[in-house]
Amino acid sequence: MRAKNDARSEALRKAPLNSWVALSGDETRVVAVGKTYGEVAEQLDRAGDEHSVILRTPDAWLPLAV
C-alpha cells in the first residue's frame, strides 16, 4: 500500500497548484488538468475514461507536522 501512496503523492507534487486534476484509476499519474472541474471532466469524457479520480490541488503544499 505504501508504494501506491508514494506514487500518488509524487504525482500530486508534480501537478499544477490551484488546479483541478484527474489521477489515473490506480492514482499513480495525472491524466488531465484544468482550471475547472468541468474542464477536467470533459477531457475524461472525450478520452472515454471512467476510472480516473478528479480532485483539486491546493494553492500551496504545506509541510505536515505530526
PDB file of N, CA and C in Angstrom:
ATOM      1  N   MET A   1       0.817  -1.196   0.000  1.00  0.00           N
ATOM      2  CA  MET A   1       0.000   0.000   0.000  1.00  0.00           C
ATOM      3  C   MET A   1       0.860   1.260   0.000  1.00  0.00           C
ATOM      4  N   ARG A   2       2.004   1.191   0.664  1.00  0.00           N
ATOM      5  CA  ARG A   2       2.869   2.363   0.745  1.00  0.00           C
ATOM      6  C   ARG A   2       3.348   2.794  -0.644  1.00  0.00           C
ATOM      7  N   ALA A   3       3.673   1.853  -1.511  1.00  0.00           N
ATOM      8  CA  ALA A   3       4.144   2.194  -2.856  1.00  0.00           C
ATOM      9  C   ALA A   3       3.078   2.983  -3.611  1.00  0.00           C
ATOM     10  N   LYS A   4       1.811   2.579  -3.474  1.00  0.00           N
ATOM     11  CA  LYS A   4       0.729   3.305  -4.135  1.00  0.00           C
ATOM     12  C   LYS A   4       0.614   4.713  -3.565  1.00  0.00           C
ATOM     13  N   ASN A   5       0.696   4.842  -2.250  1.00  0.00           N
ATOM     14  CA  ASN A   5       0.625   6.162  -1.625  1.00  0.00           C
ATOM     15  C   ASN A   5       1.788   7.040  -2.063  1.00  0.00           C
ATOM     16  N   ASP A   6       2.976   6.456  -2.171  1.00  0.00           N
ATOM     17  CA  ASP A   6       4.144   7.210  -2.619  1.00  0.00           C
ATOM     18  C   ASP A   6       3.960   7.680  -4.063  1.00  0.00           C
ATOM     19  N   ALA A   7       3.444   6.803  -4.918  1.00  0.00           N
ATOM     20  CA  ALA A   7       3.227   7.161  -6.318  1.00  0.00           C
ATOM     21  C   ALA A   7       2.173   8.260  -6.426  1.00  0.00           C
ATOM     22  N   ARG A   8       1.105   8.167  -5.641  1.00  0.00           N
ATOM     23  CA  ARG A   8       0.065   9.196  -5.644  1.00  0.00           C
ATOM     24  C   ARG A   8       0.622  10.530  -5.161  1.00  0.00           C
ATOM     25  N   SER A   9       1.381  10.493  -4.085  1.00  0.00           N
ATOM     26  CA  SER A   9       1.976  11.719  -3.548  1.00  0.00           C
ATOM     27  C   SER A   9       2.911  12.364  -4.565  1.00  0.00           C
ATOM     28  N   GLU A  10       3.702  11.559  -5.234  1.00  0.00           N
ATOM     29  CA  GLU A  10       4.631  12.082  -6.243  1.00  0.00           C
ATOM     30  C   GLU A  10       3.866  12.705  -7.413  1.00  0.00           C
ATOM     31  N   ALA A  11       2.816  12.045  -7.869  1.00  0.00           N
ATOM     32  CA  ALA A  11       2.007  12.587  -8.971  1.00  0.00           C
ATOM     33  C   ALA A  11       1.388  13.917  -8.567  1.00  0.00           C
ATOM     34  N   LEU A  12       0.875  14.003  -7.355  1.00  0.00           N
ATOM     35  CA  LEU A  12       0.249  15.253  -6.903  1.00  0.00           C
ATOM     36  C   LEU A  12       1.279  16.365  -6.723  1.00  0.00           C
ATOM     37  N   ARG A  13       2.467  16.026  -6.245  1.00  0.00           N
ATOM     38  CA  ARG A  13       3.509  17.051  -6.086  1.00  0.00           C
ATOM     39  C   ARG A  13       3.895  17.673  -7.424  1.00  0.00           C
ATOM     40  N   LYS A  14       3.829  16.881  -8.493  1.00  0.00           N
ATOM     41  CA  LYS A  14       4.194  17.366  -9.825  1.00  0.00           C
ATOM     42  C   LYS A  14       3.036  18.089 -10.517  1.00  0.00           C
ATOM     43  N   ALA A  15       1.823  17.937  -9.998  1.00  0.00           N
ATOM     44  CA  ALA A  15       0.641  18.554 -10.610  1.00  0.00           C
ATOM     45  C   ALA A  15       0.653  20.063 -10.370  1.00  0.00           C
ATOM     46  N   PRO A  16       0.057  20.821 -11.281  1.00  0.00           N
ATOM     47  CA  PRO A  16      -0.017  22.268 -11.093  1.00  0.00           C
ATOM     48  C   PRO A  16      -0.827  22.620  -9.844  1.00  0.00           C
ATOM     49  N   LEU A  17      -0.363  23.614  -9.122  1.00  0.00           N
ATOM     50  CA  LEU A  17      -1.089  24.085  -7.950  1.00  0.00           C
ATOM     51  C   LEU A  17      -2.330  24.853  -8.378  1.00  0.00           C
ATOM     52  N   ASN A  18      -3.311  24.929  -7.474  1.00  0.00           N
ATOM     53  CA  ASN A  18      -4.525  25.703  -7.693  1.00  0.00           C
ATOM     54  C   ASN A  18      -5.228  25.295  -8.990  1.00  0.00           C
ATOM     55  N   SER A  19      -5.336  23.986  -9.211  1.00  0.00           N
ATOM     56  CA  SER A  19      -5.941  23.445 -10.423  1.00  0.00           C
ATOM     57  C   SER A  19      -6.792  22.235 -10.085  1.00  0.00           C
ATOM     58  N   TRP A  20      -7.628  21.862 -11.028  1.00  0.00           N
ATOM     59  CA  TRP A  20      -8.333  20.595 -10.948  1.00  0.00           C
ATOM     60  C   TRP A  20      -7.506  19.589 -11.730  1.00  0.00           C
ATOM     61  N   VAL A  21      -7.322  18.397 -11.160  1.00  0.00           N
ATOM     62  CA  VAL A  21      -6.546  17.360 -11.830  1.00  0.00           C
ATOM     63  C   VAL A  21      -7.296  16.036 -11.749  1.00  0.00           C
ATOM     64  N   ALA A  22      -7.030  15.183 -12.704  1.00  0.00           N
ATOM     65  CA  ALA A  22      -7.560  13.820 -12.676  1.00  0.00           C
ATOM     66  C   ALA A  22      -6.385  12.872 -12.550  1.00  0.00           C
ATOM     67  N   LEU A  23      -6.472  12.008 -11.563  1.00  0.00           N
ATOM     68  CA  LEU A  23      -5.467  10.956 -11.399  1.00  0.00           C
ATOM     69  C   LEU A  23      -5.988   9.693 -12.066  1.00  0.00           C
ATOM     70  N   SER A  24      -5.070   8.931 -12.639  1.00  0.00           N
ATOM     71  CA  SER A  24      -5.432   7.655 -13.267  1.00  0.00           C
ATOM     72  C   SER A  24      -6.148   6.775 -12.241  1.00  0.00           C
ATOM     73  N   GLY A  25      -6.843   5.771 -12.716  1.00  0.00           N
ATOM     74  CA  GLY A  25      -7.595   4.882 -11.837  1.00  0.00           C
ATOM     75  C   GLY A  25      -6.758   4.272 -10.732  1.00  0.00           C
ATOM     76  N   ASP A  26      -5.480   4.029 -11.004  1.00  0.00           N
ATOM     77  CA  ASP A  26      -4.599   3.483  -9.967  1.00  0.00           C
ATOM     78  C   ASP A  26      -3.925   4.593  -9.161  1.00  0.00           C
ATOM     79  N   GLU A  27      -4.271   5.844  -9.462  1.00  0.00           N
ATOM     80  CA  GLU A  27      -3.807   7.038  -8.743  1.00  0.00           C
ATOM     81  C   GLU A  27      -2.295   7.214  -8.764  1.00  0.00           C
ATOM     82  N   THR A  28      -1.651   6.817  -9.863  1.00  0.00           N
ATOM     83  CA  THR A  28      -0.196   6.943  -9.933  1.00  0.00           C
ATOM     84  C   THR A  28       0.280   8.032 -10.886  1.00  0.00           C
ATOM     85  N   ARG A  29      -0.651   8.615 -11.681  1.00  0.00           N
ATOM     86  CA  ARG A  29      -0.240   9.667 -12.612  1.00  0.00           C
ATOM     87  C   ARG A  29      -1.396  10.609 -12.899  1.00  0.00           C
ATOM     88  N   VAL A  30      -1.049  11.825 -13.255  1.00  0.00           N
ATOM     89  CA  VAL A  30      -2.044  12.828 -13.638  1.00  0.00           C
ATOM     90  C   VAL A  30      -2.383  12.604 -15.103  1.00  0.00           C
ATOM     91  N   VAL A  31      -3.681  12.492 -15.415  1.00  0.00           N
ATOM     92  CA  VAL A  31      -4.099  12.236 -16.787  1.00  0.00           C
ATOM     93  C   VAL A  31      -4.846  13.414 -17.405  1.00  0.00           C
ATOM     94  N   ALA A  32      -5.238  14.388 -16.588  1.00  0.00           N
ATOM     95  CA  ALA A  32      -5.913  15.585 -17.106  1.00  0.00           C
ATOM     96  C   ALA A  32      -5.752  16.716 -16.103  1.00  0.00           C
ATOM     97  N   VAL A  33      -5.692  17.947 -16.623  1.00  0.00           N
ATOM     98  CA  VAL A  33      -5.551  19.145 -15.789  1.00  0.00           C
ATOM     99  C   VAL A  33      -6.440  20.230 -16.368  1.00  0.00           C
ATOM    100  N   GLY A  34      -7.054  21.019 -15.492  1.00  0.00           N
ATOM    101  CA  GLY A  34      -7.874  22.130 -15.962  1.00  0.00           C
ATOM    102  C   GLY A  34      -8.100  23.166 -14.870  1.00  0.00           C
ATOM    103  N   LYS A  35      -8.624  24.302 -15.277  1.00  0.00           N
ATOM    104  CA  LYS A  35      -8.927  25.371 -14.318  1.00  0.00           C
ATOM    105  C   LYS A  35     -10.242  25.120 -13.593  1.00  0.00           C
ATOM    106  N   THR A  36     -11.127  24.282 -14.198  1.00  0.00           N
ATOM    107  CA  THR A  36     -12.408  23.966 -13.577  1.00  0.00           C
ATOM    108  C   THR A  36     -12.621  22.453 -13.561  1.00  0.00           C
ATOM    109  N   TYR A  37     -13.526  22.035 -12.682  1.00  0.00           N
ATOM    110  CA  TYR A  37     -13.899  20.627 -12.616  1.00  0.00           C
ATOM    111  C   TYR A  37     -14.470  20.181 -13.964  1.00  0.00           C
ATOM    112  N   GLY A  38     -15.329  21.016 -14.522  1.00  0.00           N
ATOM    113  CA  GLY A  38     -15.969  20.689 -15.790  1.00  0.00           C
ATOM    114  C   GLY A  38     -14.979  20.483 -16.917  1.00  0.00           C
ATOM    115  N   GLU A  39     -13.939  21.299 -16.937  1.00  0.00           N
ATOM    116  CA  GLU A  39     -12.894  21.162 -17.959  1.00  0.00           C
ATOM    117  C   GLU A  39     -12.240  19.784 -17.884  1.00  0.00           C
ATOM    118  N   VAL A  40     -11.913  19.365 -16.671  1.00  0.00           N
ATOM    119  CA  VAL A  40     -11.257  18.064 -16.486  1.00  0.00           C
ATOM    120  C   VAL A  40     -12.230  16.929 -16.809  1.00  0.00           C
ATOM    121  N   ALA A  41     -13.465  17.048 -16.345  1.00  0.00           N
ATOM    122  CA  ALA A  41     -14.462  16.017 -16.624  1.00  0.00           C
ATOM    123  C   ALA A  41     -14.682  15.869 -18.126  1.00  0.00           C
ATOM    124  N   GLU A  42     -14.690  16.987 -18.850  1.00  0.00           N
ATOM    125  CA  GLU A  42     -14.868  16.937 -20.301  1.00  0.00           C
ATOM    126  C   GLU A  42     -13.699  16.223 -20.980  1.00  0.00           C
ATOM    127  N   GLN A  43     -12.491  16.489 -20.518  1.00  0.00           N
ATOM    128  CA  GLN A  43     -11.313  15.803 -21.073  1.00  0.00           C
ATOM    129  C   GLN A  43     -11.431  14.291 -20.868  1.00  0.00           C
ATOM    130  N   LEU A  44     -11.867  13.900 -19.686  1.00  0.00           N
ATOM    131  CA  LEU A  44     -12.013  12.474 -19.390  1.00  0.00           C
ATOM    132  C   LEU A  44     -13.118  11.852 -20.225  1.00  0.00           C
ATOM    133  N   ASP A  45     -14.222  12.573 -20.394  1.00  0.00           N
ATOM    134  CA  ASP A  45     -15.318  12.068 -21.231  1.00  0.00           C
ATOM    135  C   ASP A  45     -14.852  11.845 -22.660  1.00  0.00           C
ATOM    136  N   ARG A  46     -14.115  12.819 -23.203  1.00  0.00           N
ATOM    137  CA  ARG A  46     -13.611  12.692 -24.582  1.00  0.00           C
ATOM    138  C   ARG A  46     -12.681  11.493 -24.719  1.00  0.00           C
ATOM    139  N   ALA A  47     -11.934  11.204 -23.669  1.00  0.00           N
ATOM    140  CA  ALA A  47     -10.996  10.082 -23.701  1.00  0.00           C
ATOM    141  C   ALA A  47     -11.682   8.744 -23.371  1.00  0.00           C
ATOM    142  N   GLY A  48     -12.949   8.798 -22.966  1.00  0.00           N
ATOM    143  CA  GLY A  48     -13.655   7.581 -22.593  1.00  0.00           C
ATOM    144  C   GLY A  48     -13.191   7.012 -21.264  1.00  0.00           C
ATOM    145  N   ASP A  49     -12.602   7.861 -20.445  1.00  0.00           N
ATOM    146  CA  ASP A  49     -12.049   7.440 -19.159  1.00  0.00           C
ATOM    147  C   ASP A  49     -13.136   7.487 -18.085  1.00  0.00           C
ATOM    148  N   GLU A  50     -13.438   6.330 -17.495  1.00  0.00           N
ATOM    149  CA  GLU A  50     -14.460   6.261 -16.453  1.00  0.00           C
ATOM    150  C   GLU A  50     -13.873   5.891 -15.096  1.00  0.00           C
ATOM    151  N   HIS A  51     -12.545   5.817 -14.996  1.00  0.00           N
ATOM    152  CA  HIS A  51     -11.940   5.320 -13.768  1.00  0.00           C
ATOM    153  C   HIS A  51     -11.037   6.324 -13.058  1.00  0.00           C
ATOM    154  N   SER A  52     -10.858   7.486 -13.628  1.00  0.00           N
ATOM    155  CA  SER A  52      -9.983   8.477 -13.009  1.00  0.00           C
ATOM    156  C   SER A  52     -10.672   9.158 -11.835  1.00  0.00           C
ATOM    157  N   VAL A  53      -9.855   9.711 -10.957  1.00  0.00           N
ATOM    158  CA  VAL A  53     -10.317  10.417  -9.772  1.00  0.00           C
ATOM    159  C   VAL A  53     -10.008  11.898  -9.959  1.00  0.00           C
ATOM    160  N   ILE A  54     -11.036  12.756  -9.836  1.00  0.00           N
ATOM    161  CA  ILE A  54     -10.834  14.195 -10.006  1.00  0.00           C
ATOM    162  C   ILE A  54     -10.730  14.848  -8.630  1.00  0.00           C
ATOM    163  N   LEU A  55      -9.732  15.701  -8.491  1.00  0.00           N
ATOM    164  CA  LEU A  55      -9.579  16.453  -7.249  1.00  0.00           C
ATOM    165  C   LEU A  55      -8.930  17.795  -7.516  1.00  0.00           C
ATOM    166  N   ARG A  56      -8.961  18.652  -6.513  1.00  0.00           N
ATOM    167  CA  ARG A  56      -8.403  19.997  -6.638  1.00  0.00           C
ATOM    168  C   ARG A  56      -7.101  20.061  -5.866  1.00  0.00           C
ATOM    169  N   THR A  57      -6.099  20.666  -6.479  1.00  0.00           N
ATOM    170  CA  THR A  57      -4.827  20.853  -5.779  1.00  0.00           C
ATOM    171  C   THR A  57      -4.886  22.174  -5.011  1.00  0.00           C
ATOM    172  N   PRO A  58      -4.148  22.265  -3.927  1.00  0.00           N
ATOM    173  CA  PRO A  58      -4.176  23.487  -3.110  1.00  0.00           C
ATOM    174  C   PRO A  58      -3.373  24.618  -3.757  1.00  0.00           C
ATOM    175  N   ASP A  59      -3.498  25.808  -3.179  1.00  0.00           N
ATOM    176  CA  ASP A  59      -2.705  26.956  -3.636  1.00  0.00           C
ATOM    177  C   ASP A  59      -1.220  26.734  -3.354  1.00  0.00           C
ATOM    178  N   ALA A  60      -0.935  26.013  -2.281  1.00  0.00           N
ATOM    179  CA  ALA A  60       0.445  25.703  -1.914  1.00  0.00           C
ATOM    180  C   ALA A  60       0.432  24.436  -1.053  1.00  0.00           C
ATOM    181  N   TRP A  61       1.458  23.633  -1.168  1.00  0.00           N
ATOM    182  CA  TRP A  61       1.585  22.450  -0.317  1.00  0.00           C
ATOM    183  C   TRP A  61       2.219  22.885   0.993  1.00  0.00           C
ATOM    184  N   LEU A  62       1.653  22.490   2.071  1.00  0.00           N
ATOM    185  CA  LEU A  62       2.176  22.823   3.391  1.00  0.00           C
ATOM    186  C   LEU A  62       2.856  21.593   3.983  1.00  0.00           C
ATOM    187  N   PRO A  63       3.933  21.798   4.729  1.00  0.00           N
ATOM    188  CA  PRO A  63       4.584  20.646   5.364  1.00  0.00           C
ATOM    189  C   PRO A  63       3.658  20.031   6.405  1.00  0.00           C
ATOM    190  N   LEU A  64       3.739  18.735   6.539  1.00  0.00           N
ATOM    191  CA  LEU A  64       2.910  18.014   7.516  1.00  0.00           C
ATOM    192  C   LEU A  64       3.708  17.834   8.798  1.00  0.00           C
ATOM    193  N   ALA A  65       3.116  18.253   9.881  1.00  0.00           N
ATOM    194  CA  ALA A  65       3.739  18.052  11.196  1.00  0.00           C
ATOM    195  C   ALA A  65       2.881  17.082  11.979  1.00  0.00           C
ATOM    196  N   VAL A  66       3.514  16.042  12.478  1.00  0.00           N
ATOM    197  CA  VAL A  66       2.774  15.036  13.244  1.00  0.00           C
ATOM    198  C   VAL A  66       3.215  15.064  14.680  1.00  0.00           C
TER     199      VAL A  66
END
